[in-house]
Protein backbone atom coordinates (compact mmCIF):
# COMPACT_ATOMS: atom_id res chain seq x y z
CA MET A 1 125.14 -79.07 174.25
CA ALA A 2 122.23 -78.53 174.39
CA ASP A 3 120.59 -75.03 173.56
CA THR A 4 119.37 -74.37 177.18
CA SER A 5 119.44 -75.99 180.57
CA PRO A 6 116.14 -77.11 182.37
CA HIS A 7 117.84 -75.81 185.39
CA MET A 8 118.99 -72.06 184.97
CA VAL A 9 117.09 -69.46 183.20
CA ILE A 10 119.15 -66.97 180.78
CA GLY A 11 120.81 -64.25 183.20
CA ASN A 12 120.18 -66.04 186.36
CA SER A 13 123.43 -66.71 188.50
CA ALA A 14 125.14 -69.65 188.08
CA PHE A 15 125.51 -68.93 191.71
CA SER A 16 122.76 -68.47 193.00
CA ASN A 17 122.84 -70.91 196.21
CA ARG A 18 125.44 -69.15 197.82
CA ILE A 19 125.52 -65.46 199.40
CA LEU A 20 127.90 -63.05 197.82
CA PRO A 21 130.68 -61.04 198.19
CA ILE A 22 132.69 -62.83 200.29
CA ILE A 23 136.37 -61.70 201.27
CA LYS A 24 139.37 -63.78 201.98
CA LYS A 25 142.84 -62.73 202.93
CA PRO A 26 145.00 -63.14 205.55
CA GLU A 27 144.36 -60.63 208.96
CA SER A 28 147.62 -59.25 208.02
CA LEU A 29 146.34 -57.86 204.46
CA LYS A 30 144.28 -54.58 204.06
CA THR A 31 143.43 -55.22 200.57
CA PRO A 32 142.51 -58.33 198.76
CA GLN A 33 144.52 -58.00 195.36
CA ILE A 34 142.49 -60.33 193.34
CA GLU A 35 138.86 -59.81 192.47
CA LEU A 36 136.70 -62.57 191.03
CA SER A 37 132.75 -61.90 189.40
CA GLU A 38 130.74 -63.42 187.38
CA ILE A 39 129.62 -62.24 184.20
CA ARG A 40 125.82 -63.32 184.47
CA HIS A 41 124.28 -61.31 181.11
CA LEU A 42 126.75 -62.48 178.37
CA GLY A 43 125.46 -64.59 175.73
CA LYS A 44 127.43 -67.14 174.22
CA LEU A 45 127.27 -68.97 170.44
CA ASN A 46 129.26 -71.72 169.26
CA ILE A 47 129.87 -71.52 165.79
CA ARG A 48 131.37 -74.51 163.79
CA CYS A 49 132.34 -73.45 159.89
CA THR A 50 134.70 -73.76 156.93
CA SER A 51 137.34 -72.02 155.61
CA LYS A 52 134.98 -70.87 153.19
CA THR A 53 132.34 -69.67 155.15
CA ARG A 54 134.40 -67.75 157.96
CA ASP A 55 134.31 -64.41 156.42
CA MET A 56 130.47 -64.31 156.01
CA VAL A 57 130.29 -65.30 159.72
CA SER A 58 132.59 -62.67 160.51
CA LYS A 59 129.70 -60.32 158.64
CA LEU A 60 126.94 -61.60 160.20
CA THR A 61 128.07 -61.36 163.79
CA GLN A 62 130.47 -57.89 163.47
CA CYS A 63 133.03 -60.37 165.00
CA ASN A 64 136.76 -61.00 163.48
CA LEU A 65 136.91 -65.12 163.09
CA SER A 66 140.63 -65.59 163.78
CA LEU A 67 142.18 -67.60 161.30
CA GLN A 68 144.81 -68.90 164.42
CA PRO A 69 143.61 -70.77 166.94
CA ASN A 70 143.65 -69.42 170.90
CA GLN A 71 143.40 -66.31 169.60
CA SER A 72 140.62 -63.89 169.94
CA ASP A 73 139.28 -60.74 168.79
CA SER A 74 136.93 -57.93 170.62
CA LYS A 75 134.70 -55.77 168.34
CA ALA A 76 131.85 -53.55 169.75
CA GLY A 77 131.87 -55.13 172.67
CA ARG A 78 131.54 -58.46 171.59
CA ILE A 79 134.79 -61.56 172.04
CA ALA A 80 135.11 -63.87 169.29
CA LEU A 81 137.53 -67.16 170.17
CA CYS A 82 138.99 -69.13 167.88
CA LEU A 83 138.93 -72.71 169.66
CA GLY A 84 139.61 -74.56 166.68
CA PRO A 85 140.67 -74.33 162.61
CA ASP A 86 136.67 -74.86 162.11
CA GLU A 87 135.00 -73.84 165.71
CA TYR A 88 134.16 -70.64 167.57
CA LEU A 89 133.05 -68.84 170.74
CA ILE A 90 131.36 -65.77 170.48
CA LEU A 91 130.53 -63.90 173.74
CA ALA A 92 128.27 -61.53 172.98
CA GLU A 93 126.15 -58.50 174.79
CA GLN A 94 122.94 -60.07 176.57
CA GLY A 95 120.31 -61.17 174.20
CA SER A 96 121.94 -60.34 171.53
CA GLU A 97 122.83 -63.83 171.08
CA ILE A 98 119.30 -64.78 170.01
CA GLN A 99 118.97 -62.43 167.01
CA LEU A 100 122.59 -63.62 165.87
CA LYS A 101 121.28 -67.31 166.00
CA LYS A 102 118.76 -66.34 164.31
CA THR A 103 120.58 -64.34 161.48
CA LEU A 104 123.24 -66.94 160.77
CA ASN A 105 119.88 -69.79 160.28
CA SER A 106 118.36 -67.38 158.39
CA SER A 107 121.26 -66.55 155.98
CA ASP A 108 122.04 -68.37 152.33
CA ILE A 109 125.21 -70.37 154.44
CA VAL A 110 122.94 -72.26 156.95
CA LYS A 111 123.44 -75.38 155.33
CA GLN A 112 127.13 -74.91 155.71
CA ILE A 113 127.51 -74.28 159.20
CA ALA A 114 126.53 -75.00 162.66
CA VAL A 115 125.16 -72.33 165.53
CA THR A 116 124.33 -73.66 169.02
CA ASN A 117 123.43 -71.64 171.82
CA VAL A 118 125.25 -72.22 174.78
CA SER A 119 124.51 -69.05 177.04
CA ASP A 120 122.77 -71.19 179.97
CA ALA A 121 125.51 -74.28 179.66
CA LEU A 122 128.63 -72.16 180.25
CA CYS A 123 129.41 -69.42 183.21
CA ALA A 124 132.24 -66.21 182.77
CA LEU A 125 134.06 -65.44 185.22
CA SER A 126 135.83 -62.36 185.83
CA LEU A 127 139.45 -62.62 187.45
CA SER A 128 141.58 -59.53 187.85
CA GLY A 129 144.22 -57.95 190.23
CA LYS A 130 147.82 -57.95 189.81
CA LYS A 131 148.30 -61.17 191.61
CA VAL A 132 145.41 -63.09 189.27
CA ARG A 133 148.17 -64.30 187.35
CA ASP A 134 149.95 -66.48 190.56
CA LEU A 135 146.79 -67.59 191.21
CA LEU A 136 145.84 -69.12 187.98
CA ALA A 137 149.19 -71.15 187.85
CA LYS A 138 148.67 -72.65 190.98
CA GLY A 139 145.98 -75.00 188.88
CA CYS A 140 146.61 -74.45 185.33
CA PRO A 141 149.59 -75.92 183.27
CA ILE A 142 150.30 -73.79 180.84
CA ASP A 143 152.62 -71.03 180.91
CA LEU A 144 150.76 -67.55 182.40
CA HIS A 145 154.32 -65.93 181.75
CA PRO A 146 152.87 -62.31 180.36
CA ASP A 147 155.61 -62.53 177.77
CA SER A 148 153.69 -66.28 176.54
CA PHE A 149 150.16 -65.54 177.54
CA SER A 150 149.24 -62.29 176.58
CA LYS A 151 146.42 -59.51 175.43
CA ASN A 152 143.82 -61.23 172.89
CA GLN A 153 145.10 -64.95 173.24
CA SER A 154 143.00 -67.62 174.70
CA ALA A 155 143.38 -71.08 176.08
CA GLN A 156 141.29 -74.39 176.45
CA CYS A 157 142.66 -75.70 179.62
CA ASP A 158 142.17 -77.23 183.07
CA LEU A 159 142.17 -74.88 186.09
CA ALA A 160 142.37 -77.34 188.82
CA LEU A 161 139.94 -80.64 187.88
CA ALA A 162 137.62 -78.31 185.86
CA ASN A 163 138.26 -77.86 182.27
CA VAL A 164 137.83 -73.93 181.40
CA ILE A 165 138.49 -71.43 178.45
CA LEU A 166 140.94 -68.53 179.71
CA ILE A 167 140.99 -65.59 177.70
CA CYS A 168 143.67 -62.91 178.27
CA LEU A 169 141.89 -59.40 178.57
CA GLU A 170 144.98 -57.05 180.17
CA GLU A 171 148.31 -58.27 181.51
CA ASP A 172 146.11 -58.47 184.96
CA ALA A 173 142.78 -58.80 183.89
CA PHE A 174 141.13 -62.90 182.29
CA ILE A 175 137.84 -64.58 181.78
CA CYS A 176 137.36 -67.21 182.50
CA ILE A 177 134.76 -69.36 180.96
CA CYS A 178 133.62 -73.16 182.50
CA ARG A 179 130.49 -75.56 182.65
CA THR A 180 127.85 -73.89 184.87
CA SER A 181 127.70 -77.61 186.58
CA PHE A 182 131.65 -76.59 187.42
CA ALA A 183 131.11 -73.09 188.55
CA GLU A 184 130.79 -73.50 191.90
CA TYR A 185 133.53 -75.64 192.52
CA VAL A 186 135.82 -73.36 190.55
CA LEU A 187 134.40 -70.47 192.52
CA ASP A 188 135.50 -72.75 195.56
CA TRP A 189 139.02 -73.51 194.26
CA CYS A 190 139.85 -69.70 193.60
CA LEU A 191 138.67 -68.52 197.01
CA ASP A 192 140.79 -71.24 198.52
CA ALA A 193 144.14 -71.17 196.37
CA GLY A 194 143.74 -67.01 196.50
CA PHE A 195 143.62 -67.18 200.54
CA GLU A 196 147.25 -66.00 200.38
CA PHE A 197 146.93 -62.96 198.16
CA GLY A 198 143.59 -61.78 199.55
CA ILE A 199 140.69 -62.63 196.99
CA SER A 200 137.31 -61.18 196.70
CA ALA A 201 134.02 -62.68 195.16
CA SER A 202 131.66 -60.03 194.44
CA ALA A 203 127.86 -60.76 192.41
CA GLY A 204 127.52 -60.92 188.67
CA ILE A 205 127.90 -58.34 186.72
């Protein structure tokens, strides 16, 4: 992926053409049971490294890089996802991804790692509420029962027709990461699939 998209500016909304908030629910339902919002100001770094350099990358990024794929770890406001044996995604506070990339690329291990800023290429959505698992289960093939997909677990999977990364923060709270080009599709799908439960989509946080 390229470091930046020609159509996006870091921190801009992936839903700039939409008017939010949007609330969809049956007339009989007073309060939406699902809340969706875009996490606009979130840095994202894709890092490829070997087992020999993983500990150093963990130290330089101040994140614990898990040995186990599909696991996430939160530390100091950052989330590190293990996407595979040698691939990680770091979610960091706004603007810090630029300095993190510089730090990694100026380190002694620069020739043994690959660091790509994918902040603009990916959109992050916060999904929460007591019916959020029921919503995701409509379009996601993985087992979303709390006993099978719990806190600090993540998965690369499909949500409807979009390839996403799901991160479980709590039993009823998730982050869904998709390509920016699919963001409006994912939003529309969630609004449609979440109608029966009541869903509220708000502006970026």
